[in-house]
Amino acid sequence: MTTATAHSPHHSVTEHSHEAGCGHVAVPHGDHVDYVHDAHLHRSHGDHYDECEPAGHTECGGHTHAHGDGCGHVAVPHGDHVDYLHDGHRHAAHDGHWDDH
């Protein structure tokens, strides 16, 4: 499950349009693309952007790769930690395993 709340003050698509080449990391997320901006994720929603954050934790089972500096995956600053883009989704360290966002 994902929560989506209107993001302010960067809420209008006329202020900045997140799209390919906009300068922010694109993160495929289900049926849409999120863009990393100011350490959180934006999702286009009509004439504004919502913050698109996972609700809860879903463990990525069987994931033996350790993400970190130089691991080969894009690092995405996210709040107080770093997520890593891996196979079209984000991995976040959580209690000795990796969560799948």
C-alpha atoms as a PDB file:
ATOM      1  CA  MET A   1       0.000   0.000   0.000  1.00  0.00           C
ATOM      2  CA  THR A   2       1.172   3.538  -0.783  1.00  0.00           C
ATOM      3  CA  THR A   3       0.110   6.784   0.805  1.00  0.00           C
ATOM      4  CA  ALA A   4      -0.333   9.882  -1.329  1.00  0.00           C
ATOM      5  CA  THR A   5      -0.676  13.346   0.141  1.00  0.00           C
ATOM      6  CA  ALA A   6      -0.514  16.676  -1.672  1.00  0.00           C
ATOM      7  CA  HIS A   7       2.962  18.127  -1.491  1.00  0.00           C
ATOM      8  CA  SER A   8       3.444  21.784  -0.683  1.00  0.00           C
ATOM      9  CA  PRO A   9       4.932  24.227  -1.576  1.00  0.00           C
ATOM     10  CA  HIS A  10       6.138  22.370  -4.702  1.00  0.00           C
ATOM     11  CA  HIS A  11       2.655  21.279  -5.596  1.00  0.00           C
ATOM     12  CA  SER A  12       1.866  22.829  -8.954  1.00  0.00           C
ATOM     13  CA  VAL A  13       2.956  21.200 -12.199  1.00  0.00           C
ATOM     14  CA  THR A  14       3.398  24.724 -13.582  1.00  0.00           C
ATOM     15  CA  GLU A  15       6.187  25.443 -11.031  1.00  0.00           C
ATOM     16  CA  HIS A  16       8.289  22.489 -12.165  1.00  0.00           C
ATOM     17  CA  SER A  17       7.366  19.584 -14.380  1.00  0.00           C
ATOM     18  CA  HIS A  18       8.807  16.218 -13.335  1.00  0.00           C
ATOM     19  CA  GLU A  19       9.552  14.251 -16.474  1.00  0.00           C
ATOM     20  CA  ALA A  20      12.420  12.590 -18.326  1.00  0.00           C
ATOM     21  CA  GLY A  21      15.387  14.972 -18.291  1.00  0.00           C
ATOM     22  CA  CYS A  22      14.056  17.238 -15.503  1.00  0.00           C
ATOM     23  CA  GLY A  23      17.158  16.620 -13.389  1.00  0.00           C
ATOM     24  CA  HIS A  24      15.541  14.432 -10.715  1.00  0.00           C
ATOM     25  CA  VAL A  25      15.982  10.672 -10.380  1.00  0.00           C
ATOM     26  CA  ALA A  26      13.038   8.786 -11.885  1.00  0.00           C
ATOM     27  CA  VAL A  27      11.811   5.778  -9.894  1.00  0.00           C
ATOM     28  CA  PRO A  28       9.407   3.326 -11.564  1.00  0.00           C
ATOM     29  CA  HIS A  29       6.641   2.571  -9.062  1.00  0.00           C
ATOM     30  CA  GLY A  30       3.834   0.256 -10.104  1.00  0.00           C
ATOM     31  CA  ASP A  31       1.718   1.997 -12.751  1.00  0.00           C
ATOM     32  CA  HIS A  32       3.514   5.358 -12.555  1.00  0.00           C
ATOM     33  CA  VAL A  33       6.917   7.028 -12.132  1.00  0.00           C
ATOM     34  CA  ASP A  34       7.968   8.879  -8.984  1.00  0.00           C
ATOM     35  CA  TYR A  35      10.646  11.574  -8.988  1.00  0.00           C
ATOM     36  CA  VAL A  36      13.063  12.103  -6.114  1.00  0.00           C
ATOM     37  CA  HIS A  37      12.975  15.722  -4.968  1.00  0.00           C
ATOM     38  CA  ASP A  38      14.222  17.115  -1.649  1.00  0.00           C
ATOM     39  CA  ALA A  39      14.717  13.566  -0.259  1.00  0.00           C
ATOM     40  CA  HIS A  40      11.168  12.416  -0.907  1.00  0.00           C
ATOM     41  CA  LEU A  41       9.141  11.119  -3.827  1.00  0.00           C
ATOM     42  CA  HIS A  42       6.769  13.102  -6.029  1.00  0.00           C
ATOM     43  CA  ARG A  43       4.016  11.632  -8.167  1.00  0.00           C
ATOM     44  CA  SER A  44       2.044  13.614 -10.744  1.00  0.00           C
ATOM     45  CA  HIS A  45      -1.640  13.856  -9.875  1.00  0.00           C
ATOM     46  CA  GLY A  46      -3.723  16.145 -12.091  1.00  0.00           C
ATOM     47  CA  ASP A  47      -2.463  19.707 -11.735  1.00  0.00           C
ATOM     48  CA  HIS A  48      -0.237  19.050  -8.695  1.00  0.00           C
ATOM     49  CA  TYR A  49       2.218  16.550  -7.213  1.00  0.00           C
ATOM     50  CA  ASP A  50       1.557  14.145  -4.376  1.00  0.00           C
ATOM     51  CA  GLU A  51       4.170  12.698  -2.114  1.00  0.00           C
ATOM     52  CA  CYS A  52       4.229   8.989  -2.843  1.00  0.00           C
ATOM     53  CA  GLU A  53       5.466   7.000   0.108  1.00  0.00           C
ATOM     54  CA  PRO A  54       5.094   3.331   0.960  1.00  0.00           C
ATOM     55  CA  ALA A  55       2.918   2.522   3.948  1.00  0.00           C
ATOM     56  CA  GLY A  56       4.299  -0.250   6.105  1.00  0.00           C
ATOM     57  CA  HIS A  57       7.151  -2.617   5.361  1.00  0.00           C
ATOM     58  CA  THR A  58       7.348  -5.393   2.779  1.00  0.00           C
ATOM     59  CA  GLU A  59      10.461  -7.512   3.121  1.00  0.00           C
ATOM     60  CA  CYS A  60      12.319  -8.341  -0.079  1.00  0.00           C
ATOM     61  CA  GLY A  61      12.797 -12.060   0.500  1.00  0.00           C
ATOM     62  CA  GLY A  62      15.924 -13.819  -0.685  1.00  0.00           C
ATOM     63  CA  HIS A  63      17.809 -10.595  -1.352  1.00  0.00           C
ATOM     64  CA  THR A  64      21.459 -11.354  -0.597  1.00  0.00           C
ATOM     65  CA  HIS A  65      23.055  -8.292  -2.244  1.00  0.00           C
ATOM     66  CA  ALA A  66      24.304  -5.655   0.216  1.00  0.00           C
ATOM     67  CA  HIS A  67      23.594  -2.143  -0.998  1.00  0.00           C
ATOM     68  CA  GLY A  68      26.031   0.639  -0.196  1.00  0.00           C
ATOM     69  CA  ASP A  69      28.619   2.954  -1.727  1.00  0.00           C
ATOM     70  CA  GLY A  70      29.850   1.489  -4.994  1.00  0.00           C
ATOM     71  CA  CYS A  71      27.312  -1.364  -5.158  1.00  0.00           C
ATOM     72  CA  GLY A  72      26.279  -0.357  -8.680  1.00  0.00           C
ATOM     73  CA  HIS A  73      22.735   0.757  -7.885  1.00  0.00           C
ATOM     74  CA  VAL A  74      21.466   4.343  -7.856  1.00  0.00           C
ATOM     75  CA  ALA A  75      21.367   5.747  -4.321  1.00  0.00           C
ATOM     76  CA  VAL A  76      18.200   7.711  -3.548  1.00  0.00           C
ATOM     77  CA  PRO A  77      18.275   9.989  -0.484  1.00  0.00           C
ATOM     78  CA  HIS A  78      14.978   9.399   1.284  1.00  0.00           C
ATOM     79  CA  GLY A  79      14.221  11.210   4.528  1.00  0.00           C
ATOM     80  CA  ASP A  80      16.715  10.032   7.155  1.00  0.00           C
ATOM     81  CA  HIS A  81      18.170   7.135   5.115  1.00  0.00           C
ATOM     82  CA  VAL A  82      19.185   6.063   1.610  1.00  0.00           C
ATOM     83  CA  ASP A  83      17.190   3.758  -0.658  1.00  0.00           C
ATOM     84  CA  TYR A  84      18.718   1.950  -3.638  1.00  0.00           C
ATOM     85  CA  LEU A  85      17.076   1.440  -7.036  1.00  0.00           C
ATOM     86  CA  HIS A  86      17.180  -2.255  -7.878  1.00  0.00           C
ATOM     87  CA  ASP A  87      15.184  -4.066 -10.572  1.00  0.00           C
ATOM     88  CA  GLY A  88      12.696  -1.202 -10.959  1.00  0.00           C
ATOM     89  CA  HIS A  89      11.967  -0.658  -7.281  1.00  0.00           C
ATOM     90  CA  ARG A  90      13.591   0.746  -4.176  1.00  0.00           C
ATOM     91  CA  HIS A  91      15.321  -1.226  -1.474  1.00  0.00           C
ATOM     92  CA  ALA A  92      15.632   0.216   2.009  1.00  0.00           C
ATOM     93  CA  ALA A  93      17.590  -1.295   4.904  1.00  0.00           C
ATOM     94  CA  HIS A  94      15.290  -2.343   7.746  1.00  0.00           C
ATOM     95  CA  ASP A  95      16.073  -4.475  10.821  1.00  0.00           C
ATOM     96  CA  GLY A  96      18.702  -6.685   9.163  1.00  0.00           C
ATOM     97  CA  HIS A  97      16.887  -7.144   5.838  1.00  0.00           C
ATOM     98  CA  TRP A  98      15.894  -5.093   2.774  1.00  0.00           C
ATOM     99  CA  ASP A  99      12.395  -3.727   2.347  1.00  0.00           C
ATOM    100  CA  ASP A 100      10.900  -3.544  -1.110  1.00  0.00           C
ATOM    101  CA  HIS A 101       9.231  -0.224  -1.851  1.00  0.00           C
END
